[in-house]
């Protein structure tokens, strides 16, 4: 197996940049559920076939999502928080599949931005033990660390 030596600080800052960027997108989707619950209901109806999401339902979904993404931002229980962010984004990337087959109709081209973010979350999940910058779980296991 090929091993690459990367300075620990550079890796930690790079992974934090991914975590922060992903959080920014996710927090906007979360805030939308509180600011514009009707939009959340329309998204659930259009993409998840869940009709009649009430304002309270949007607030509950938003609150649960907020808890997950805040845990993700601070690096709490990274296996679970990053895994849940990955699952949420995977579902939201795959559900509009028909939009990918007609990219030049309406605003369908914007859906393609989901793919790089999806793979960034996958990378962050794989490297979660090295994502230590501004993380509550900031220690790299001795067997996984590299010298800087």
Protein backbone atom coordinates (compact mmCIF):
# COMPACT_ATOMS: atom_id res chain seq x y z
CA UNK A 1 0.00 0.00 0.00
CA UNK A 2 1.34 3.40 -0.98
CA UNK A 3 1.78 5.79 1.92
CA UNK A 4 1.99 9.54 1.58
CA UNK A 5 3.39 11.85 4.22
CA UNK A 6 1.38 15.03 4.69
CA UNK A 7 2.17 17.61 7.35
CA UNK A 8 -0.44 17.14 10.07
CA UNK A 9 -1.30 20.87 10.30
CA UNK A 10 -1.90 21.21 6.56
CA UNK A 11 -4.12 18.15 6.54
CA UNK A 12 -6.06 19.34 9.60
CA UNK A 13 -6.65 22.80 8.09
CA UNK A 14 -7.68 21.30 4.74
CA UNK A 15 -10.20 18.97 6.38
CA UNK A 16 -11.53 21.82 8.51
CA UNK A 17 -12.05 23.83 5.31
CA UNK A 18 -14.11 20.97 3.89
CA UNK A 19 -16.09 20.66 7.14
CA UNK A 20 -16.78 24.40 7.27
CA UNK A 21 -17.79 24.59 3.60
CA UNK A 22 -20.16 21.66 3.94
CA UNK A 23 -21.60 23.17 7.11
CA UNK A 24 -22.30 26.47 5.32
CA UNK A 25 -24.40 24.72 2.69
CA UNK A 26 -26.18 22.52 5.22
CA UNK A 27 -26.94 25.40 7.59
CA UNK A 28 -28.62 27.32 4.78
CA UNK A 29 -30.84 24.33 4.02
CA UNK A 30 -31.61 24.04 7.74
CA UNK A 31 -32.41 27.73 8.21
CA UNK A 32 -34.68 27.55 5.16
CA UNK A 33 -36.92 25.12 7.06
CA UNK A 34 -37.51 27.80 9.72
CA UNK A 35 -37.61 30.89 7.51
CA UNK A 36 -39.63 29.37 4.67
CA UNK A 37 -41.37 26.18 5.87
CA UNK A 38 -43.63 26.25 2.80
CA UNK A 39 -40.53 25.76 0.64
CA UNK A 40 -39.52 22.78 2.79
CA UNK A 41 -43.02 21.32 2.30
CA UNK A 42 -42.72 21.81 -1.47
CA UNK A 43 -39.29 20.12 -1.51
CA UNK A 44 -40.60 17.17 0.53
CA UNK A 45 -43.59 16.82 -1.81
CA UNK A 46 -41.57 17.15 -5.04
CA UNK A 47 -38.52 15.06 -4.20
CA UNK A 48 -39.49 12.76 -1.31
CA UNK A 49 -43.18 12.14 -2.16
CA UNK A 50 -44.17 13.34 1.33
CA UNK A 51 -47.23 15.52 1.02
CA UNK A 52 -48.68 17.90 3.56
CA UNK A 53 -45.58 18.68 5.63
CA UNK A 54 -46.86 21.22 8.13
CA UNK A 55 -44.92 24.21 9.38
CA UNK A 56 -44.41 22.33 12.66
CA UNK A 57 -43.14 19.33 10.71
CA UNK A 58 -40.65 21.55 8.88
CA UNK A 59 -39.52 23.00 12.23
CA UNK A 60 -39.02 19.52 13.71
CA UNK A 61 -37.04 18.35 10.68
CA UNK A 62 -35.04 21.60 10.84
CA UNK A 63 -34.32 21.17 14.55
CA UNK A 64 -33.10 17.58 14.05
CA UNK A 65 -31.00 18.65 11.10
CA UNK A 66 -29.60 21.57 13.12
CA UNK A 67 -28.50 19.23 15.90
CA UNK A 68 -26.72 16.96 13.43
CA UNK A 69 -24.93 19.72 11.54
CA UNK A 70 -23.86 21.51 14.73
CA UNK A 71 -22.36 18.23 16.00
CA UNK A 72 -20.69 17.90 12.59
CA UNK A 73 -19.32 21.47 12.75
CA UNK A 74 -17.69 21.00 16.14
CA UNK A 75 -16.43 17.50 15.36
CA UNK A 76 -18.58 15.76 17.98
CA UNK A 77 -19.01 12.00 17.48
CA UNK A 78 -17.54 12.30 13.99
CA UNK A 79 -18.40 8.77 12.89
CA UNK A 80 -22.09 9.48 13.55
CA UNK A 81 -22.37 13.18 12.77
CA UNK A 82 -20.36 12.99 9.55
CA UNK A 83 -22.14 9.76 8.64
CA UNK A 84 -25.54 11.39 9.11
CA UNK A 85 -24.51 14.45 7.08
CA UNK A 86 -23.31 12.05 4.38
CA UNK A 87 -26.60 10.14 4.46
CA UNK A 88 -28.68 13.34 4.32
CA UNK A 89 -26.71 14.69 1.41
CA UNK A 90 -26.63 11.35 -0.41
CA UNK A 91 -30.43 11.18 -0.32
CA UNK A 92 -30.79 14.80 -1.44
CA UNK A 93 -28.32 14.17 -4.28
CA UNK A 94 -29.98 10.99 -5.56
CA UNK A 95 -33.66 11.89 -5.25
CA UNK A 96 -33.73 14.46 -8.09
CA UNK A 97 -32.22 11.92 -10.50
CA UNK A 98 -34.54 12.93 -13.37
CA UNK A 99 -33.10 16.46 -13.20
CA UNK A 100 -29.66 15.11 -14.11
CA UNK A 101 -30.99 13.66 -17.37
CA UNK A 102 -32.28 17.06 -18.53
CA UNK A 103 -29.55 19.42 -17.29
CA UNK A 104 -30.41 22.40 -19.50
CA UNK A 105 -34.06 22.64 -18.51
CA UNK A 106 -34.87 25.35 -15.99
CA UNK A 107 -32.38 25.41 -13.15
CA UNK A 108 -31.53 21.70 -13.37
CA UNK A 109 -27.87 22.47 -14.00
CA UNK A 110 -27.59 23.66 -10.38
CA UNK A 111 -28.30 20.12 -9.14
CA UNK A 112 -24.86 19.04 -10.40
CA UNK A 113 -23.23 21.08 -7.60
CA UNK A 114 -24.40 18.36 -5.22
CA UNK A 115 -21.90 15.82 -6.58
CA UNK A 116 -18.61 17.50 -5.60
CA UNK A 117 -20.06 18.20 -2.17
CA UNK A 118 -21.11 14.56 -1.84
CA UNK A 119 -17.59 13.37 -2.59
CA UNK A 120 -16.12 15.99 -0.25
CA UNK A 121 -18.27 14.54 2.54
CA UNK A 122 -17.12 11.02 1.61
CA UNK A 123 -13.48 12.19 1.84
CA UNK A 124 -14.16 13.88 5.17
CA UNK A 125 -15.81 10.71 6.49
CA UNK A 126 -12.86 8.56 5.40
CA UNK A 127 -10.35 11.00 6.92
CA UNK A 128 -12.44 11.92 9.99
CA UNK A 129 -9.75 10.78 12.44
CA UNK A 130 -7.39 13.39 10.97
CA UNK A 131 -9.98 16.19 11.01
CA UNK A 132 -8.76 17.74 14.25
CA UNK A 133 -8.73 21.53 13.68
CA UNK A 134 -11.38 23.16 15.93
CA UNK A 135 -12.80 19.73 16.70
CA UNK A 136 -13.92 18.54 20.13
CA UNK A 137 -12.43 15.16 19.23
CA UNK A 138 -9.03 16.59 18.35
CA UNK A 139 -6.67 13.71 18.98
CA UNK A 140 -5.33 11.54 16.20
CA UNK A 141 -4.80 7.94 17.33
CA UNK A 142 -1.06 7.22 17.58
CA UNK A 143 -1.23 4.47 14.96
CA UNK A 144 -2.96 6.81 12.50
CA UNK A 145 -0.86 9.93 12.94
CA UNK A 146 1.86 11.08 10.61
CA UNK A 147 4.83 13.19 11.44
CA UNK A 148 4.70 16.82 10.36
